[in-house]
């Protein structure tokens, strides 16, 4: 009988009996809560912090740490002809002369205003020995016709009107920080009027790059390109100061001070490496009053002193 009374007393005492005399009874623990404080003289257990799950993790499923998104980019190739460098009958697929190859700068010429392009694009070693290069272009994309440029990159124009990446020597060029999608493509040159595709072009990051063709005459705006003959169209020459208008300023502030000079010069409108009277007579004079049709990039044309 005494034995059964001892067992009954132990059951009634519960966890307190197991702790021994003088030790507190720990409170019950519930799932998802921190453990109770440790008895005096013992180190406290660390708090239990639940893992952080990425948004959208279904309840009850283990999560993984969120991953940084991969950088987005788009690739674009061109078919573009510069009126100044155009020459018929060159043979093969060439539409333009490459007279500037000997004086072409190793880095792009669009760092100063009005372009203010901050990129550091430069020629790969020996590139000009392997490719027929006409000049540097600045290629930009924008989501809407009148909106700002989303991204720009300087690249090289080849004699056949296609684009060449100066670093990788791949056809077309890659613009980083741009989500694949449909974009207007803007083409700028240091002494020709800028032009833009008539409609958005679907661009992705795969090779071969999508082609924006401005040689067919399809461009944004009215009279945005010039007729070259043989069904071809090109960017309008003689915007020597890059302000988006062919006017007296191009003659008086750029062509005239550079007349007689040789090298890589803005007054060299036909891109043959020389600033001569032929630049003024054959290209500037017929184009006076022409203005770029790319929204955001032009001043009102002014009367020209011919």
Protein backbone atom coordinates (compact mmCIF):
# COMPACT_ATOMS: atom_id res chain seq x y z
CA UNK A 1 0.00 0.00 0.00
CA UNK A 2 2.81 2.39 0.89
CA UNK A 3 4.44 1.72 -2.52
CA UNK A 4 1.33 2.74 -4.43
CA UNK A 5 1.01 5.96 -2.38
CA UNK A 6 4.59 6.97 -3.34
CA UNK A 7 3.92 6.47 -7.05
CA UNK A 8 0.69 8.47 -6.87
CA UNK A 9 2.50 11.36 -5.17
CA UNK A 10 5.15 11.42 -7.94
CA UNK A 11 2.48 11.62 -10.65
CA UNK A 12 0.75 14.51 -8.92
CA UNK A 13 4.03 16.43 -8.49
CA UNK A 14 4.68 16.15 -12.29
CA UNK A 15 7.83 17.70 -13.82
CA UNK A 16 8.73 19.40 -10.53
CA UNK A 17 9.76 16.08 -9.04
CA UNK A 18 12.13 15.41 -11.96
CA UNK A 19 13.90 18.75 -11.45
CA UNK A 20 15.08 17.88 -8.00
CA UNK A 21 14.61 20.01 -4.94
CA UNK A 22 15.22 23.77 -5.26
CA UNK A 23 15.08 23.99 -9.10
CA UNK A 24 12.26 25.81 -10.92
CA UNK A 25 9.92 23.98 -13.20
CA UNK A 26 10.31 25.15 -16.86
CA UNK A 27 7.15 26.42 -18.49
CA UNK A 28 5.71 24.38 -21.36
CA UNK A 29 7.17 25.18 -24.83
CA UNK A 30 4.99 25.85 -27.82
CA UNK A 31 6.09 25.35 -31.43
CA UNK A 32 7.73 28.42 -33.01
CA UNK A 33 8.68 30.14 -29.71
CA UNK A 34 12.04 30.74 -28.12
CA UNK A 35 13.12 28.40 -25.32
CA UNK A 36 12.56 29.45 -21.70
CA UNK A 37 15.38 31.18 -19.82
CA UNK A 38 18.01 28.79 -18.54
CA UNK A 39 18.28 28.11 -14.81
CA UNK A 40 20.71 30.37 -12.90
CA UNK A 41 24.33 29.53 -13.61
CA UNK A 42 23.69 27.89 -17.00
CA UNK A 43 24.25 29.57 -20.43
CA UNK A 44 21.12 30.71 -22.23
CA UNK A 45 20.33 28.85 -25.48
CA UNK A 46 20.41 30.97 -28.67
CA UNK A 47 17.10 32.35 -29.96
CA UNK A 48 15.45 30.40 -32.74
CA UNK A 49 15.01 32.65 -35.79
CA UNK A 50 12.79 31.27 -38.57
CA UNK A 51 14.38 31.33 -42.06
CA UNK A 52 13.48 34.17 -44.43
CA UNK A 53 11.60 32.81 -47.43
CA UNK A 54 11.43 34.51 -50.84
CA UNK A 55 8.08 36.10 -51.76
CA UNK A 56 5.64 33.66 -53.23
CA UNK A 57 6.87 30.55 -51.34
CA UNK A 58 3.81 28.31 -50.77
CA UNK A 59 2.95 27.82 -47.07
CA UNK A 60 4.58 24.78 -45.52
CA UNK A 61 7.29 24.43 -48.20
CA UNK A 62 10.98 25.10 -47.51
CA UNK A 63 12.32 28.21 -49.22
CA UNK A 64 15.66 29.12 -50.81
CA UNK A 65 17.51 32.43 -50.52
CA UNK A 66 16.44 34.91 -53.21
CA UNK A 67 18.74 35.05 -56.25
CA UNK A 68 19.88 38.28 -57.91
CA UNK A 69 18.38 38.64 -61.40
CA UNK A 70 20.69 38.13 -64.36
CA UNK A 71 21.69 41.38 -66.13
CA UNK A 72 19.43 42.11 -69.10
CA UNK A 73 20.69 43.17 -72.51
CA UNK A 74 19.61 43.41 -76.14
CA UNK A 75 21.55 43.04 -79.37
CA UNK A 76 20.94 45.04 -82.53
CA UNK A 77 22.46 45.09 -86.00
CA UNK A 78 21.95 47.74 -88.66
CA UNK A 79 21.71 48.39 -92.35
CA UNK A 80 22.67 52.06 -92.63
CA UNK A 81 24.40 54.17 -95.29
CA UNK A 82 26.03 57.55 -94.68
CA UNK A 83 25.41 59.94 -97.57
CA UNK A 84 28.87 61.45 -97.24
CA UNK A 85 30.70 58.14 -97.66
CA UNK A 86 28.33 56.61 -100.24
CA UNK A 87 29.79 55.63 -103.60
CA UNK A 88 28.15 53.57 -106.31
CA UNK A 89 29.98 50.77 -108.09
CA UNK A 90 32.42 49.83 -105.33
CA UNK A 91 31.97 46.15 -106.00
CA UNK A 92 30.79 43.32 -103.81
CA UNK A 93 28.42 44.33 -101.03
CA UNK A 94 30.16 47.64 -100.27
CA UNK A 95 28.13 50.86 -100.41
CA UNK A 96 30.62 53.21 -98.74
CA UNK A 97 34.27 54.20 -98.93
CA UNK A 98 36.61 53.47 -96.02
CA UNK A 99 38.97 56.43 -96.47
CA UNK A 100 39.03 57.21 -92.74
CA UNK A 101 40.55 53.88 -91.71
CA UNK A 102 44.02 55.40 -91.40
CA UNK A 103 42.85 58.20 -89.10
CA UNK A 104 39.99 56.54 -87.22
CA UNK A 105 40.34 57.21 -83.47
CA UNK A 106 40.90 54.21 -81.20
CA UNK A 107 38.04 55.35 -78.94
CA UNK A 108 34.62 56.61 -79.97
CA UNK A 109 34.13 60.36 -80.66
CA UNK A 110 30.78 60.78 -78.85
CA UNK A 111 31.91 61.68 -75.34
CA UNK A 112 31.44 65.44 -75.77
CA UNK A 113 28.20 67.42 -76.21
CA UNK A 114 25.72 67.14 -77.81
CA UNK A 115 25.99 63.35 -77.45
CA UNK A 116 27.69 63.12 -74.02
CA UNK A 117 28.02 59.35 -74.26
CA UNK A 118 29.86 58.05 -71.19
CA UNK A 119 30.82 54.65 -72.61
CA UNK A 120 34.44 53.62 -73.05
CA UNK A 121 34.07 51.68 -76.31
CA UNK A 122 37.40 51.25 -78.09
CA UNK A 123 38.87 49.36 -81.03
CA UNK A 124 40.10 45.83 -80.46
CA UNK A 125 43.77 45.40 -81.37
CA UNK A 126 44.20 44.95 -85.11
CA UNK A 127 40.48 45.30 -85.85
CA UNK A 128 40.96 47.70 -88.75
CA UNK A 129 43.21 45.17 -90.46
CA UNK A 130 40.41 42.60 -90.43
CA UNK A 131 37.33 44.70 -91.27
CA UNK A 132 36.33 47.42 -93.75
CA UNK A 133 35.27 50.16 -91.35
CA UNK A 134 33.71 53.47 -92.43
CA UNK A 135 33.34 55.32 -89.10
CA UNK A 136 31.98 55.23 -85.55
CA UNK A 137 28.21 55.39 -84.96
CA UNK A 138 26.22 55.91 -81.77
CA UNK A 139 23.33 53.43 -81.57
CA UNK A 140 20.53 53.98 -79.05
CA UNK A 141 17.22 52.30 -78.20
CA UNK A 142 14.10 53.81 -76.68
CA UNK A 143 10.76 52.36 -75.62
CA UNK A 144 8.62 55.09 -77.21
CA UNK A 145 9.19 57.37 -80.17
CA UNK A 146 9.23 60.58 -78.11
CA UNK A 147 10.68 59.08 -74.95
CA UNK A 148 14.28 59.24 -73.73
CA UNK A 149 16.95 56.84 -74.91
CA UNK A 150 17.01 53.75 -72.73
CA UNK A 151 20.62 52.90 -73.57
CA UNK A 152 23.29 53.79 -76.13
CA UNK A 153 26.48 52.17 -77.37
CA UNK A 154 29.13 53.31 -79.83
CA UNK A 155 29.90 50.78 -82.56
CA UNK A 156 31.49 50.63 -85.99
CA UNK A 157 29.83 50.99 -89.38
CA UNK A 158 31.15 48.65 -92.07
CA UNK A 159 31.31 49.36 -95.79
CA UNK A 160 28.28 47.18 -96.48
CA UNK A 161 26.14 49.16 -94.01
CA UNK A 162 26.20 46.59 -91.22
CA UNK A 163 27.29 47.14 -87.62
CA UNK A 164 30.37 45.76 -85.89
CA UNK A 165 31.03 45.64 -82.16
CA UNK A 166 34.39 47.33 -81.54
CA UNK A 167 35.38 45.03 -78.67
CA UNK A 168 34.05 41.59 -79.64
CA UNK A 169 34.10 42.02 -83.45
CA UNK A 170 30.69 40.36 -83.61
CA UNK A 171 28.03 41.56 -86.02
CA UNK A 172 25.78 44.08 -84.32
CA UNK A 173 26.36 45.35 -80.81
CA UNK A 174 25.05 44.59 -77.32
CA UNK A 175 23.38 47.20 -75.13
CA UNK A 176 23.41 46.28 -71.46
CA UNK A 177 20.80 47.12 -68.85
CA UNK A 178 17.92 46.75 -71.32
CA UNK A 179 15.12 44.22 -70.92
CA UNK A 180 14.39 42.32 -74.16
CA UNK A 181 11.37 43.71 -75.96
CA UNK A 182 10.32 46.06 -78.76
CA UNK A 183 12.31 49.30 -79.12
CA UNK A 184 12.79 52.13 -81.57
CA UNK A 185 16.39 52.15 -82.78
CA UNK A 186 18.12 55.53 -83.15
CA UNK A 187 21.28 55.93 -85.24
CA UNK A 188 23.50 58.97 -84.71
CA UNK A 189 26.62 60.11 -86.55
CA UNK A 190 28.95 63.00 -85.78
CA UNK A 191 28.20 64.99 -88.98
CA UNK A 192 25.03 63.41 -90.37
CA UNK A 193 21.44 63.88 -89.20
CA UNK A 194 20.23 61.21 -86.77
CA UNK A 195 17.47 58.85 -87.92
CA UNK A 196 15.18 56.38 -86.17
CA UNK A 197 13.30 53.26 -87.23
CA UNK A 198 9.71 53.90 -88.29
CA UNK A 199 8.41 51.32 -85.81
CA UNK A 200 9.72 49.39 -82.80
CA UNK A 201 12.01 46.44 -83.52
CA UNK A 202 11.78 43.26 -81.45
CA UNK A 203 15.16 42.91 -79.73
CA UNK A 204 16.57 40.07 -77.64
CA UNK A 205 19.95 38.92 -76.41
CA UNK A 206 20.46 36.07 -78.86
CA UNK A 207 22.66 35.83 -81.93
CA UNK A 208 22.23 36.68 -84.71
CA UNK A 209 21.05 40.11 -83.64
CA UNK A 210 17.85 41.62 -85.01
CA UNK A 211 18.46 44.01 -87.92
CA UNK A 212 17.18 47.59 -88.06
CA UNK A 213 17.23 48.50 -91.77
CA UNK A 214 17.24 52.20 -92.72
CA UNK A 215 18.42 51.70 -96.30
CA UNK A 216 14.90 51.05 -97.64
CA UNK A 217 13.63 54.53 -96.84
CA UNK A 218 11.45 53.45 -93.92
CA UNK A 219 12.28 55.81 -91.06
CA UNK A 220 10.41 57.77 -88.42
CA UNK A 221 9.10 61.17 -89.49
CA UNK A 222 8.93 62.94 -92.84
CA UNK A 223 11.81 63.14 -95.29
CA UNK A 224 14.11 61.69 -92.64
CA UNK A 225 16.57 60.12 -95.12
CA UNK A 226 18.09 61.10 -98.46
CA UNK A 227 17.80 59.23 -101.75
CA UNK A 228 21.10 57.73 -102.91
CA UNK A 229 20.03 55.93 -106.09
CA UNK A 230 19.50 52.30 -106.87
CA UNK A 231 16.63 52.16 -104.40
CA UNK A 232 18.89 52.97 -101.46
CA UNK A 233 18.46 55.66 -98.81
CA UNK A 234 20.97 57.09 -96.35
CA UNK A 235 21.49 59.44 -93.43
CA UNK A 236 21.60 63.11 -94.49
CA UNK A 237 25.11 64.62 -94.47
CA UNK A 238 26.36 68.06 -93.36
CA UNK A 239 25.17 68.39 -89.76
CA UNK A 240 28.75 69.25 -88.89
CA UNK A 241 28.03 70.62 -85.41
CA UNK A 242 25.67 67.79 -84.45
CA UNK A 243 22.75 70.02 -83.44
CA UNK A 244 20.20 68.17 -85.56
CA UNK A 245 19.92 70.84 -88.28
CA UNK A 246 21.85 71.52 -91.48
CA UNK A 247 22.21 75.29 -91.41
CA UNK A 248 24.62 78.21 -91.64
CA UNK A 249 26.24 77.26 -88.35
CA UNK A 250 27.63 74.08 -89.88
CA UNK A 251 29.40 76.12 -92.53
CA UNK A 252 30.61 79.08 -90.50
CA UNK A 253 31.56 77.44 -87.20
CA UNK A 254 32.82 74.05 -88.39
CA UNK A 255 33.52 73.74 -92.11
CA UNK A 256 35.12 77.15 -92.70
CA UNK A 257 37.62 77.05 -89.77
CA UNK A 258 38.67 73.54 -90.80
CA UNK A 259 38.84 74.15 -94.56
CA UNK A 260 42.07 72.80 -96.02
CA UNK A 261 42.66 70.48 -93.06
CA UNK A 262 43.24 66.76 -93.16
CA UNK A 263 42.47 63.98 -90.70
CA UNK A 264 39.46 62.96 -88.62
CA UNK A 265 37.54 66.26 -88.75
CA UNK A 266 33.86 67.18 -88.36
CA UNK A 267 34.06 69.51 -91.37
CA UNK A 268 34.96 66.55 -93.59
CA UNK A 269 31.42 65.93 -94.75
CA UNK A 270 32.21 63.30 -97.37
CA UNK A 271 34.45 61.34 -94.98
CA UNK A 272 37.51 61.22 -97.23
CA UNK A 273 39.90 62.64 -94.63
CA UNK A 274 40.00 66.19 -96.12
CA UNK A 275 37.96 69.37 -95.62
CA UNK A 276 37.50 70.81 -99.09
CA UNK A 277 35.15 73.05 -101.06
CA UNK A 278 33.51 69.91 -102.42
CA UNK A 279 32.12 69.17 -98.94
CA UNK A 280 30.35 72.53 -98.95
CA UNK A 281 29.13 72.47 -102.55
CA UNK A 282 28.08 68.86 -102.93
CA UNK A 283 26.72 68.07 -99.47
CA UNK A 284 26.12 71.11 -97.27
CA UNK A 285 24.48 73.37 -99.85
CA UNK A 286 21.83 70.89 -101.13
CA UNK A 287 20.95 69.84 -97.57
CA UNK A 288 20.55 73.27 -95.97
CA UNK A 289 17.28 73.38 -94.04
CA UNK A 290 17.08 69.63 -93.46
CA UNK A 291 16.47 68.62 -89.85
CA UNK A 292 16.47 65.34 -87.98
CA UNK A 293 13.10 63.71 -87.46
CA UNK A 294 14.16 62.04 -84.22
CA UNK A 295 12.15 63.65 -81.40
CA UNK A 296 14.31 65.50 -78.82
CA UNK A 297 17.30 66.05 -81.09
CA UNK A 298 16.77 69.13 -83.22
CA UNK A 299 16.70 72.90 -83.26
CA UNK A 300 14.44 74.88 -85.56
CA UNK A 301 16.08 75.34 -88.95
CA UNK A 302 17.32 78.84 -89.68
CA UNK A 303 17.84 80.69 -92.94
CA UNK A 304 21.22 79.89 -94.42
CA UNK A 305 23.74 82.28 -95.86
CA UNK A 306 24.66 80.37 -98.98
